[in-house]
PDB file of N, CA and C in Angstrom:
ATOM      1  N   UNK A   1      -2.758  -5.457 -45.042  1.00  0.00           N
ATOM      2  CA  UNK A   1      -3.089  -5.082 -43.705  1.00  0.00           C
ATOM      3  C   UNK A   1      -1.908  -5.569 -42.769  1.00  0.00           C
ATOM      4  N   UNK A   2      -1.488  -4.590 -41.885  1.00  0.00           N
ATOM      5  CA  UNK A   2      -0.405  -4.879 -41.035  1.00  0.00           C
ATOM      6  C   UNK A   2      -0.824  -5.541 -39.748  1.00  0.00           C
ATOM      7  N   UNK A   3       0.125  -6.128 -39.150  1.00  0.00           N
ATOM      8  CA  UNK A   3      -0.185  -6.825 -37.782  1.00  0.00           C
ATOM      9  C   UNK A   3      -0.266  -5.721 -36.709  1.00  0.00           C
ATOM     10  N   UNK A   4      -1.127  -6.005 -35.807  1.00  0.00           N
ATOM     11  CA  UNK A   4      -1.228  -4.996 -34.686  1.00  0.00           C
ATOM     12  C   UNK A   4       0.065  -4.879 -33.852  1.00  0.00           C
ATOM     13  N   UNK A   5       0.370  -3.651 -33.409  1.00  0.00           N
ATOM     14  CA  UNK A   5       1.610  -3.398 -32.741  1.00  0.00           C
ATOM     15  C   UNK A   5       1.646  -4.069 -31.291  1.00  0.00           C
ATOM     16  N   UNK A   6       0.461  -4.033 -30.623  1.00  0.00           N
ATOM     17  CA  UNK A   6       0.390  -4.566 -29.386  1.00  0.00           C
ATOM     18  C   UNK A   6      -0.511  -5.838 -29.433  1.00  0.00           C
ATOM     19  N   UNK A   7      -0.131  -6.937 -28.920  1.00  0.00           N
ATOM     20  CA  UNK A   7      -0.981  -8.072 -28.720  1.00  0.00           C
ATOM     21  C   UNK A   7      -1.800  -8.015 -27.584  1.00  0.00           C
ATOM     22  N   UNK A   8      -2.718  -9.039 -27.237  1.00  0.00           N
ATOM     23  CA  UNK A   8      -3.520  -8.990 -26.108  1.00  0.00           C
ATOM     24  C   UNK A   8      -2.643  -9.041 -24.941  1.00  0.00           C
ATOM     25  N   UNK A   9      -3.156  -8.217 -23.872  1.00  0.00           N
ATOM     26  CA  UNK A   9      -2.424  -8.120 -22.590  1.00  0.00           C
ATOM     27  C   UNK A   9      -2.779  -9.299 -21.805  1.00  0.00           C
ATOM     28  N   UNK A  10      -1.775  -9.880 -21.096  1.00  0.00           N
ATOM     29  CA  UNK A  10      -1.964 -11.012 -20.125  1.00  0.00           C
ATOM     30  C   UNK A  10      -2.595 -10.415 -18.880  1.00  0.00           C
ATOM     31  N   UNK A  11      -3.602 -11.130 -18.425  1.00  0.00           N
ATOM     32  CA  UNK A  11      -4.286 -10.600 -17.214  1.00  0.00           C
ATOM     33  C   UNK A  11      -4.244 -11.687 -16.164  1.00  0.00           C
ATOM     34  N   UNK A  12      -4.098 -11.412 -14.971  1.00  0.00           N
ATOM     35  CA  UNK A  12      -4.030 -12.485 -13.875  1.00  0.00           C
ATOM     36  C   UNK A  12      -5.364 -13.120 -13.733  1.00  0.00           C
ATOM     37  N   UNK A  13      -5.359 -14.338 -13.321  1.00  0.00           N
ATOM     38  CA  UNK A  13      -6.623 -15.002 -13.015  1.00  0.00           C
ATOM     39  C   UNK A  13      -7.305 -14.466 -11.814  1.00  0.00           C
ATOM     40  N   UNK A  14      -8.430 -13.982 -11.935  1.00  0.00           N
ATOM     41  CA  UNK A  14      -9.213 -13.372 -10.867  1.00  0.00           C
ATOM     42  C   UNK A  14     -10.324 -14.270 -10.278  1.00  0.00           C
ATOM     43  N   UNK A  15     -10.425 -14.391  -9.055  1.00  0.00           N
ATOM     44  CA  UNK A  15     -11.595 -15.138  -8.451  1.00  0.00           C
ATOM     45  C   UNK A  15     -12.655 -14.138  -8.235  1.00  0.00           C
ATOM     46  N   UNK A  16     -13.661 -14.156  -9.084  1.00  0.00           N
ATOM     47  CA  UNK A  16     -14.794 -13.251  -8.962  1.00  0.00           C
ATOM     48  C   UNK A  16     -15.816 -13.680  -7.893  1.00  0.00           C
ATOM     49  N   UNK A  17     -15.565 -14.811  -7.429  1.00  0.00           N
ATOM     50  CA  UNK A  17     -16.389 -15.323  -6.231  1.00  0.00           C
ATOM     51  C   UNK A  17     -15.681 -15.244  -4.965  1.00  0.00           C
ATOM     52  N   UNK A  18     -14.756 -14.318  -4.767  1.00  0.00           N
ATOM     53  CA  UNK A  18     -14.012 -14.254  -3.583  1.00  0.00           C
ATOM     54  C   UNK A  18     -14.865 -13.757  -2.391  1.00  0.00           C
ATOM     55  N   UNK A  19     -14.616 -14.240  -1.161  1.00  0.00           N
ATOM     56  CA  UNK A  19     -15.349 -13.865  -0.074  1.00  0.00           C
ATOM     57  C   UNK A  19     -14.703 -12.625   0.588  1.00  0.00           C
ATOM     58  N   UNK A  20     -15.504 -11.482   0.579  1.00  0.00           N
ATOM     59  CA  UNK A  20     -14.996 -10.176   1.153  1.00  0.00           C
ATOM     60  C   UNK A  20     -14.505 -10.240   2.571  1.00  0.00           C
ATOM     61  N   UNK A  21     -15.164 -11.081   3.326  1.00  0.00           N
ATOM     62  CA  UNK A  21     -14.717 -11.210   4.685  1.00  0.00           C
ATOM     63  C   UNK A  21     -13.349 -11.983   4.842  1.00  0.00           C
ATOM     64  N   UNK A  22     -13.178 -12.976   4.040  1.00  0.00           N
ATOM     65  CA  UNK A  22     -11.992 -13.696   4.046  1.00  0.00           C
ATOM     66  C   UNK A  22     -10.778 -12.672   3.493  1.00  0.00           C
ATOM     67  N   UNK A  23     -11.056 -11.995   2.386  1.00  0.00           N
ATOM     68  CA  UNK A  23     -10.121 -11.067   1.935  1.00  0.00           C
ATOM     69  C   UNK A  23      -9.667  -9.924   2.900  1.00  0.00           C
ATOM     70  N   UNK A  24     -10.699  -9.452   3.553  1.00  0.00           N
ATOM     71  CA  UNK A  24     -10.365  -8.306   4.563  1.00  0.00           C
ATOM     72  C   UNK A  24      -9.601  -8.982   5.824  1.00  0.00           C
ATOM     73  N   UNK A  25      -9.896 -10.185   6.109  1.00  0.00           N
ATOM     74  CA  UNK A  25      -9.144 -10.972   7.208  1.00  0.00           C
ATOM     75  C   UNK A  25      -7.728 -11.167   6.725  1.00  0.00           C
ATOM     76  N   UNK A  26      -7.485 -11.604   5.589  1.00  0.00           N
ATOM     77  CA  UNK A  26      -6.216 -11.777   5.057  1.00  0.00           C
ATOM     78  C   UNK A  26      -5.347 -10.457   4.990  1.00  0.00           C
ATOM     79  N   UNK A  27      -6.030  -9.439   4.524  1.00  0.00           N
ATOM     80  CA  UNK A  27      -5.328  -8.119   4.479  1.00  0.00           C
ATOM     81  C   UNK A  27      -5.001  -7.735   5.901  1.00  0.00           C
ATOM     82  N   UNK A  28      -5.829  -7.896   6.863  1.00  0.00           N
ATOM     83  CA  UNK A  28      -5.631  -7.556   8.199  1.00  0.00           C
ATOM     84  C   UNK A  28      -4.369  -8.282   8.850  1.00  0.00           C
ATOM     85  N   UNK A  29      -4.359  -9.632   8.482  1.00  0.00           N
ATOM     86  CA  UNK A  29      -3.262 -10.379   8.948  1.00  0.00           C
ATOM     87  C   UNK A  29      -1.909 -10.012   8.333  1.00  0.00           C
ATOM     88  N   UNK A  30      -1.964  -9.542   7.051  1.00  0.00           N
ATOM     89  CA  UNK A  30      -0.794  -9.261   6.407  1.00  0.00           C
ATOM     90  C   UNK A  30      -0.285  -7.802   6.740  1.00  0.00           C
ATOM     91  N   UNK A  31      -1.143  -6.864   7.134  1.00  0.00           N
ATOM     92  CA  UNK A  31      -0.757  -5.539   7.425  1.00  0.00           C
ATOM     93  C   UNK A  31      -0.622  -5.098   8.796  1.00  0.00           C
ATOM     94  N   UNK A  32      -1.269  -5.823   9.703  1.00  0.00           N
ATOM     95  CA  UNK A  32      -1.287  -5.389  11.156  1.00  0.00           C
ATOM     96  C   UNK A  32       0.169  -5.453  11.636  1.00  0.00           C
ATOM     97  N   UNK A  33       0.528  -4.279  12.390  1.00  0.00           N
ATOM     98  CA  UNK A  33       1.838  -4.197  12.821  1.00  0.00           C
ATOM     99  C   UNK A  33       2.927  -3.797  11.758  1.00  0.00           C
ATOM    100  N   UNK A  34       2.467  -3.437  10.633  1.00  0.00           N
ATOM    101  CA  UNK A  34       3.421  -3.230   9.431  1.00  0.00           C
ATOM    102  C   UNK A  34       3.209  -1.848   8.885  1.00  0.00           C
ATOM    103  N   UNK A  35       4.118  -1.426   8.118  1.00  0.00           N
ATOM    104  CA  UNK A  35       3.939  -0.112   7.297  1.00  0.00           C
ATOM    105  C   UNK A  35       3.633  -0.669   5.913  1.00  0.00           C
ATOM    106  N   UNK A  36       3.441   0.234   4.858  1.00  0.00           N
ATOM    107  CA  UNK A  36       3.269  -0.284   3.511  1.00  0.00           C
ATOM    108  C   UNK A  36       3.925   0.609   2.473  1.00  0.00           C
ATOM    109  N   UNK A  37       4.146  -0.146   1.302  1.00  0.00           N
ATOM    110  CA  UNK A  37       4.524   0.534   0.129  1.00  0.00           C
ATOM    111  C   UNK A  37       3.377   0.626  -0.872  1.00  0.00           C
ATOM    112  N   UNK A  38       3.275   1.570  -1.592  1.00  0.00           N
ATOM    113  CA  UNK A  38       2.265   1.690  -2.749  1.00  0.00           C
ATOM    114  C   UNK A  38       3.011   1.381  -3.953  1.00  0.00           C
ATOM    115  N   UNK A  39       2.522   0.292  -4.647  1.00  0.00           N
ATOM    116  CA  UNK A  39       3.214  -0.073  -5.900  1.00  0.00           C
ATOM    117  C   UNK A  39       4.563  -0.423  -5.759  1.00  0.00           C
ATOM    118  N   UNK A  40       5.452   0.097  -6.707  1.00  0.00           N
ATOM    119  CA  UNK A  40       6.921  -0.225  -6.593  1.00  0.00           C
ATOM    120  C   UNK A  40       7.665   0.913  -5.877  1.00  0.00           C
ATOM    121  N   UNK A  41       6.878   1.839  -5.300  1.00  0.00           N
ATOM    122  CA  UNK A  41       7.562   2.964  -4.562  1.00  0.00           C
ATOM    123  C   UNK A  41       8.433   2.418  -3.343  1.00  0.00           C
ATOM    124  N   UNK A  42       9.413   3.141  -3.078  1.00  0.00           N
ATOM    125  CA  UNK A  42      10.259   2.852  -1.918  1.00  0.00           C
ATOM    126  C   UNK A  42       9.803   3.534  -0.650  1.00  0.00           C
ATOM    127  N   UNK A  43       8.902   4.476  -0.864  1.00  0.00           N
ATOM    128  CA  UNK A  43       8.412   5.306   0.315  1.00  0.00           C
ATOM    129  C   UNK A  43       7.558   4.357   1.154  1.00  0.00           C
ATOM    130  N   UNK A  44       7.868   4.359   2.518  1.00  0.00           N
ATOM    131  CA  UNK A  44       7.110   3.582   3.425  1.00  0.00           C
ATOM    132  C   UNK A  44       6.020   4.542   4.103  1.00  0.00           C
ATOM    133  N   UNK A  45       4.770   4.091   3.943  1.00  0.00           N
ATOM    134  CA  UNK A  45       3.652   4.759   4.591  1.00  0.00           C
ATOM    135  C   UNK A  45       3.109   4.105   5.830  1.00  0.00           C
ATOM    136  N   UNK A  46       2.539   4.944   6.736  1.00  0.00           N
ATOM    137  CA  UNK A  46       1.925   4.274   7.874  1.00  0.00           C
ATOM    138  C   UNK A  46       0.652   3.697   7.351  1.00  0.00           C
ATOM    139  N   UNK A  47       0.098   2.672   8.066  1.00  0.00           N
ATOM    140  CA  UNK A  47      -1.116   1.933   7.618  1.00  0.00           C
ATOM    141  C   UNK A  47      -2.273   2.581   8.467  1.00  0.00           C
ATOM    142  N   UNK A  48      -3.314   2.848   7.733  1.00  0.00           N
ATOM    143  CA  UNK A  48      -4.623   3.220   8.361  1.00  0.00           C
ATOM    144  C   UNK A  48      -5.610   2.303   7.749  1.00  0.00           C
ATOM    145  N   UNK A  49      -6.717   2.162   8.579  1.00  0.00           N
ATOM    146  CA  UNK A  49      -7.784   1.149   8.088  1.00  0.00           C
ATOM    147  C   UNK A  49      -8.941   1.893   7.688  1.00  0.00           C
ATOM    148  N   UNK A  50      -9.360   1.697   6.409  1.00  0.00           N
ATOM    149  CA  UNK A  50     -10.475   2.460   5.917  1.00  0.00           C
ATOM    150  C   UNK A  50     -11.748   1.535   5.677  1.00  0.00           C
ATOM    151  N   UNK A  51     -12.997   2.085   5.846  1.00  0.00           N
ATOM    152  CA  UNK A  51     -14.266   1.270   5.669  1.00  0.00           C
ATOM    153  C   UNK A  51     -14.157   0.807   4.246  1.00  0.00           C
ATOM    154  N   UNK A  52     -14.595  -0.427   4.022  1.00  0.00           N
ATOM    155  CA  UNK A  52     -14.852  -1.035   2.769  1.00  0.00           C
ATOM    156  C   UNK A  52     -16.339  -1.358   2.582  1.00  0.00           C
ATOM    157  N   UNK A  53     -16.757  -2.589   2.654  1.00  0.00           N
ATOM    158  CA  UNK A  53     -18.154  -3.028   2.426  1.00  0.00           C
ATOM    159  C   UNK A  53     -18.547  -3.827   3.626  1.00  0.00           C
ATOM    160  N   UNK A  54     -19.843  -3.814   3.939  1.00  0.00           N
ATOM    161  CA  UNK A  54     -20.403  -4.683   5.054  1.00  0.00           C
ATOM    162  C   UNK A  54     -19.605  -4.470   6.457  1.00  0.00           C
ATOM    163  N   UNK A  55     -19.187  -3.269   6.672  1.00  0.00           N
ATOM    164  CA  UNK A  55     -18.451  -3.082   7.960  1.00  0.00           C
ATOM    165  C   UNK A  55     -17.009  -3.551   7.956  1.00  0.00           C
ATOM    166  N   UNK A  56     -16.594  -4.079   6.843  1.00  0.00           N
ATOM    167  CA  UNK A  56     -15.149  -4.588   6.754  1.00  0.00           C
ATOM    168  C   UNK A  56     -14.209  -3.352   6.485  1.00  0.00           C
ATOM    169  N   UNK A  57     -12.953  -3.627   6.851  1.00  0.00           N
ATOM    170  CA  UNK A  57     -11.957  -2.546   6.562  1.00  0.00           C
ATOM    171  C   UNK A  57     -10.830  -3.046   5.833  1.00  0.00           C
ATOM    172  N   UNK A  58     -10.067  -2.107   5.002  1.00  0.00           N
ATOM    173  CA  UNK A  58      -8.924  -2.526   4.343  1.00  0.00           C
ATOM    174  C   UNK A  58      -7.893  -1.570   4.582  1.00  0.00           C
ATOM    175  N   UNK A  59      -6.637  -2.071   4.580  1.00  0.00           N
ATOM    176  CA  UNK A  59      -5.416  -1.110   4.766  1.00  0.00           C
ATOM    177  C   UNK A  59      -5.325  -0.080   3.634  1.00  0.00           C
ATOM    178  N   UNK A  60      -4.825   1.161   4.039  1.00  0.00           N
ATOM    179  CA  UNK A  60      -4.583   2.207   3.135  1.00  0.00           C
ATOM    180  C   UNK A  60      -3.506   3.114   3.704  1.00  0.00           C
ATOM    181  N   UNK A  61      -2.790   3.868   2.831  1.00  0.00           N
ATOM    182  CA  UNK A  61      -1.762   4.860   3.521  1.00  0.00           C
ATOM    183  C   UNK A  61      -2.510   5.831   4.295  1.00  0.00           C
ATOM    184  N   UNK A  62      -1.887   6.070   5.435  1.00  0.00           N
ATOM    185  CA  UNK A  62      -2.409   7.059   6.404  1.00  0.00           C
ATOM    186  C   UNK A  62      -2.553   8.334   5.827  1.00  0.00           C
ATOM    187  N   UNK A  63      -1.743   8.792   4.838  1.00  0.00           N
ATOM    188  CA  UNK A  63      -1.692   9.994   4.285  1.00  0.00           C
ATOM    189  C   UNK A  63      -2.723  10.124   3.051  1.00  0.00           C
ATOM    190  N   UNK A  64      -3.376   9.066   2.768  1.00  0.00           N
ATOM    191  CA  UNK A  64      -4.344   8.859   1.687  1.00  0.00           C
ATOM    192  C   UNK A  64      -3.716   9.046   0.340  1.00  0.00           C
ATOM    193  N   UNK A  65      -2.401   8.693   0.263  1.00  0.00           N
ATOM    194  CA  UNK A  65      -1.784   8.546  -1.084  1.00  0.00           C
ATOM    195  C   UNK A  65      -2.587   7.679  -2.018  1.00  0.00           C
ATOM    196  N   UNK A  66      -2.906   8.195  -3.186  1.00  0.00           N
ATOM    197  CA  UNK A  66      -3.765   7.571  -4.100  1.00  0.00           C
ATOM    198  C   UNK A  66      -3.074   6.276  -4.624  1.00  0.00           C
ATOM    199  N   UNK A  67      -3.916   5.299  -4.868  1.00  0.00           N
ATOM    200  CA  UNK A  67      -3.524   4.075  -5.659  1.00  0.00           C
ATOM    201  C   UNK A  67      -4.815   3.465  -6.268  1.00  0.00           C
ATOM    202  N   UNK A  68      -4.683   2.671  -7.344  1.00  0.00           N
ATOM    203  CA  UNK A  68      -5.771   2.140  -7.981  1.00  0.00           C
ATOM    204  C   UNK A  68      -5.903   0.740  -7.460  1.00  0.00           C
ATOM    205  N   UNK A  69      -7.228   0.314  -7.261  1.00  0.00           N
ATOM    206  CA  UNK A  69      -7.443  -0.930  -6.808  1.00  0.00           C
ATOM    207  C   UNK A  69      -7.907  -1.066  -5.236  1.00  0.00           C
ATOM    208  N   UNK A  70      -7.873  -2.275  -4.767  1.00  0.00           N
ATOM    209  CA  UNK A  70      -8.161  -2.373  -3.324  1.00  0.00           C
ATOM    210  C   UNK A  70      -7.179  -3.384  -2.754  1.00  0.00           C
ATOM    211  N   UNK A  71      -6.099  -3.599  -3.265  1.00  0.00           N
ATOM    212  CA  UNK A  71      -5.043  -4.386  -2.736  1.00  0.00           C
ATOM    213  C   UNK A  71      -5.009  -5.928  -3.158  1.00  0.00           C
ATOM    214  N   UNK A  72      -5.895  -6.364  -3.876  1.00  0.00           N
ATOM    215  CA  UNK A  72      -6.033  -7.741  -4.300  1.00  0.00           C
ATOM    216  C   UNK A  72      -4.972  -8.109  -5.272  1.00  0.00           C
ATOM    217  N   UNK A  73      -4.459  -7.166  -5.993  1.00  0.00           N
ATOM    218  CA  UNK A  73      -3.398  -7.481  -7.037  1.00  0.00           C
ATOM    219  C   UNK A  73      -2.110  -6.996  -6.633  1.00  0.00           C
ATOM    220  N   UNK A  74      -1.854  -6.740  -5.373  1.00  0.00           N
ATOM    221  CA  UNK A  74      -0.538  -6.385  -4.923  1.00  0.00           C
ATOM    222  C   UNK A  74      -0.216  -4.848  -5.039  1.00  0.00           C
ATOM    223  N   UNK A  75      -1.308  -3.976  -5.075  1.00  0.00           N
ATOM    224  CA  UNK A  75      -1.016  -2.679  -5.159  1.00  0.00           C
ATOM    225  C   UNK A  75      -0.364  -1.994  -3.877  1.00  0.00           C
ATOM    226  N   UNK A  76      -0.632  -2.732  -2.809  1.00  0.00           N
ATOM    227  CA  UNK A  76      -0.137  -2.286  -1.504  1.00  0.00           C
ATOM    228  C   UNK A  76       0.761  -3.519  -1.001  1.00  0.00           C
ATOM    229  N   UNK A  77       1.917  -3.201  -0.588  1.00  0.00           N
ATOM    230  CA  UNK A  77       2.883  -4.241  -0.043  1.00  0.00           C
ATOM    231  C   UNK A  77       3.335  -3.927   1.397  1.00  0.00           C
ATOM    232  N   UNK A  78       3.248  -4.857   2.250  1.00  0.00           N
ATOM    233  CA  UNK A  78       3.563  -4.641   3.627  1.00  0.00           C
ATOM    234  C   UNK A  78       5.071  -4.510   3.826  1.00  0.00           C
ATOM    235  N   UNK A  79       5.611  -3.740   4.719  1.00  0.00           N
ATOM    236  CA  UNK A  79       7.041  -3.545   4.943  1.00  0.00           C
ATOM    237  C   UNK A  79       7.272  -3.300   6.401  1.00  0.00           C
ATOM    238  N   UNK A  80       8.447  -3.644   6.922  1.00  0.00           N
ATOM    239  CA  UNK A  80       8.933  -3.407   8.300  1.00  0.00           C
ATOM    240  C   UNK A  80       9.817  -2.125   8.240  1.00  0.00           C
ATOM    241  N   UNK A  81       9.978  -1.539   7.143  1.00  0.00           N
ATOM    242  CA  UNK A  81      10.846  -0.339   7.165  1.00  0.00           C
ATOM    243  C   UNK A  81      10.083   0.850   7.882  1.00  0.00           C
ATOM    244  N   UNK A  82      10.814   1.687   8.547  1.00  0.00           N
ATOM    245  CA  UNK A  82      10.181   2.811   9.142  1.00  0.00           C
ATOM    246  C   UNK A  82       9.431   3.718   8.220  1.00  0.00           C
ATOM    247  N   UNK A  83       8.465   4.446   8.701  1.00  0.00           N
ATOM    248  CA  UNK A  83       7.688   5.411   7.926  1.00  0.00           C
ATOM    249  C   UNK A  83       8.665   6.444   7.344  1.00  0.00           C
ATOM    250  N   UNK A  84       8.559   6.603   6.051  1.00  0.00           N
ATOM    251  CA  UNK A  84       9.492   7.662   5.407  1.00  0.00           C
ATOM    252  C   UNK A  84       8.731   8.764   4.717  1.00  0.00           C
ATOM    253  N   UNK A  85       7.330   8.568   4.521  1.00  0.00           N
ATOM    254  CA  UNK A  85       6.413   9.545   4.044  1.00  0.00           C
ATOM    255  C   UNK A  85       6.305  10.766   4.941  1.00  0.00           C
ATOM    256  N   UNK A  86       6.632  11.968   4.526  1.00  0.00           N
ATOM    257  CA  UNK A  86       6.628  13.111   5.454  1.00  0.00           C
ATOM    258  C   UNK A  86       5.207  13.230   5.955  1.00  0.00           C
ATOM    259  N   UNK A  87       4.115  13.112   5.133  1.00  0.00           N
ATOM    260  CA  UNK A  87       2.737  13.419   5.732  1.00  0.00           C
ATOM    261  C   UNK A  87       2.325  12.252   6.615  1.00  0.00           C
ATOM    262  N   UNK A  88       2.666  11.105   6.330  1.00  0.00           N
ATOM    263  CA  UNK A  88       2.431   9.991   7.363  1.00  0.00           C
ATOM    264  C   UNK A  88       3.067  10.153   8.666  1.00  0.00           C
ATOM    265  N   UNK A  89       4.373  10.598   8.557  1.00  0.00           N
ATOM    266  CA  UNK A  89       5.111  10.840   9.861  1.00  0.00           C
ATOM    267  C   UNK A  89       4.504  12.030  10.550  1.00  0.00           C
ATOM    268  N   UNK A  90       4.113  13.030   9.924  1.00  0.00           N
ATOM    269  CA  UNK A  90       3.459  14.172  10.666  1.00  0.00           C
ATOM    270  C   UNK A  90       2.058  13.699  11.248  1.00  0.00           C
ATOM    271  N   UNK A  91       1.228  12.961  10.479  1.00  0.00           N
ATOM    272  CA  UNK A  91       0.048  12.458  11.016  1.00  0.00           C
ATOM    273  C   UNK A  91       0.201  11.539  12.222  1.00  0.00           C
ATOM    274  N   UNK A  92       1.208  10.809  12.306  1.00  0.00           N
ATOM    275  CA  UNK A  92       1.602   9.925  13.412  1.00  0.00           C
ATOM    276  C   UNK A  92       2.364  10.633  14.513  1.00  0.00           C
ATOM    277  N   UNK A  93       2.609  11.902  14.382  1.00  0.00           N
ATOM    278  CA  UNK A  93       3.411  12.585  15.335  1.00  0.00           C
ATOM    279  C   UNK A  93       4.749  12.239  15.493  1.00  0.00           C
ATOM    280  N   UNK A  94       5.421  11.701  14.327  1.00  0.00           N
ATOM    281  CA  UNK A  94       6.789  11.239  14.320  1.00  0.00           C
ATOM    282  C   UNK A  94       7.782  12.400  13.971  1.00  0.00           C
ATOM    283  N   UNK A  95       7.221  13.653  13.782  1.00  0.00           N
ATOM    284  CA  UNK A  95       8.154  14.780  13.383  1.00  0.00           C
ATOM    285  C   UNK A  95       8.217  15.757  14.534  1.00  0.00           C
ATOM    286  N   UNK A  96       8.565  15.313  15.668  1.00  0.00           N
ATOM    287  CA  UNK A  96       8.653  16.202  16.854  1.00  0.00           C
ATOM    288  C   UNK A  96       9.818  17.001  16.807  1.00  0.00           C
ATOM    289  N   UNK A  97      10.897  16.634  16.221  1.00  0.00           N
ATOM    290  CA  UNK A  97      12.189  17.353  16.289  1.00  0.00           C
ATOM    291  C   UNK A  97      12.278  18.256  14.984  1.00  0.00           C
ATOM    292  N   UNK A  98      11.423  18.157  13.964  1.00  0.00           N
ATOM    293  CA  UNK A  98      11.410  18.866  12.758  1.00  0.00           C
ATOM    294  C   UNK A  98      12.511  18.544  11.806  1.00  0.00           C
ATOM    295  N   UNK A  99      13.081  17.442  11.966  1.00  0.00           N
ATOM    296  CA  UNK A  99      14.112  17.000  11.055  1.00  0.00           C
ATOM    297  C   UNK A  99      13.567  15.943  10.069  1.00  0.00           C
ATOM    298  N   UNK A 100      13.946  16.182   8.782  1.00  0.00           N
ATOM    299  CA  UNK A 100      13.521  15.247   7.793  1.00  0.00           C
ATOM    300  C   UNK A 100      14.519  14.063   7.707  1.00  0.00           C
ATOM    301  N   UNK A 101      14.053  12.849   7.564  1.00  0.00           N
ATOM    302  CA  UNK A 101      14.924  11.758   7.505  1.00  0.00           C
ATOM    303  C   UNK A 101      15.715  11.737   6.259  1.00  0.00           C
ATOM    304  N   UNK A 102      17.015  11.175   6.312  1.00  0.00           N
ATOM    305  CA  UNK A 102      17.840  11.152   5.105  1.00  0.00           C
ATOM    306  C   UNK A 102      17.355  10.199   4.148  1.00  0.00           C
ATOM    307  N   UNK A 103      17.481  10.534   2.834  1.00  0.00           N
ATOM    308  CA  UNK A 103      16.932   9.592   1.798  1.00  0.00           C
ATOM    309  C   UNK A 103      17.945   8.401   1.738  1.00  0.00           C
ATOM    310  N   UNK A 104      19.200   8.514   2.040  1.00  0.00           N
ATOM    311  CA  UNK A 104      20.019   7.364   1.942  1.00  0.00           C
ATOM    312  C   UNK A 104      21.162   7.752   2.864  1.00  0.00           C
ATOM    313  N   UNK A 105      21.924   6.616   3.396  1.00  0.00           N
ATOM    314  CA  UNK A 105      23.039   6.777   4.256  1.00  0.00           C
ATOM    315  C   UNK A 105      24.277   7.378   3.524  1.00  0.00           C
ATOM    316  N   UNK A 106      24.945   8.319   3.919  1.00  0.00           N
ATOM    317  CA  UNK A 106      26.119   8.822   3.402  1.00  0.00           C
ATOM    318  C   UNK A 106      27.367   7.956   3.847  1.00  0.00           C
ATOM    319  N   UNK A 107      28.360   7.760   2.924  1.00  0.00           N
ATOM    320  CA  UNK A 107      29.454   6.932   3.324  1.00  0.00           C
ATOM    321  C   UNK A 107      30.293   7.686   4.441  1.00  0.00           C
ATOM    322  N   UNK A 108      30.933   6.922   5.237  1.00  0.00           N
ATOM    323  CA  UNK A 108      31.743   7.514   6.381  1.00  0.00           C
ATOM    324  C   UNK A 108      33.058   7.914   5.873  1.00  0.00           C
TER     325      UNK A 108
END
C-alpha cells in the first residue's frame, strides 16, 4: 500500500466562541476610512458595509466582488491605495472624466 500523496492540511486555530459584536467592532476599526483588497489581489476596492447578524455589519467590496468567508481569516485586507476597481469607481462616482486609471507607471 502506498503512502498518501497529500498529508493532512494545517488549519488555523479558530475561536468558535468568538463574540460577533467584538468581531464586527474590530472589522469596523480596521476598515473605516480604508479601501480593501480581496485575497492576494492587487485591485483596490471601495468598502461597503453589509448586514451580517443581529444588526451588525461587516465590510465588503462595494462592487460585490465575490469572496469566501466573512473576513475572520484575512480574506479581506485594508489598504490606503486609491480605488482601482472599475466598478467600485463607477459606483462611487469616481469616473467623471471617463478615463481608466493606468495599471502601472510608465518610465519617463
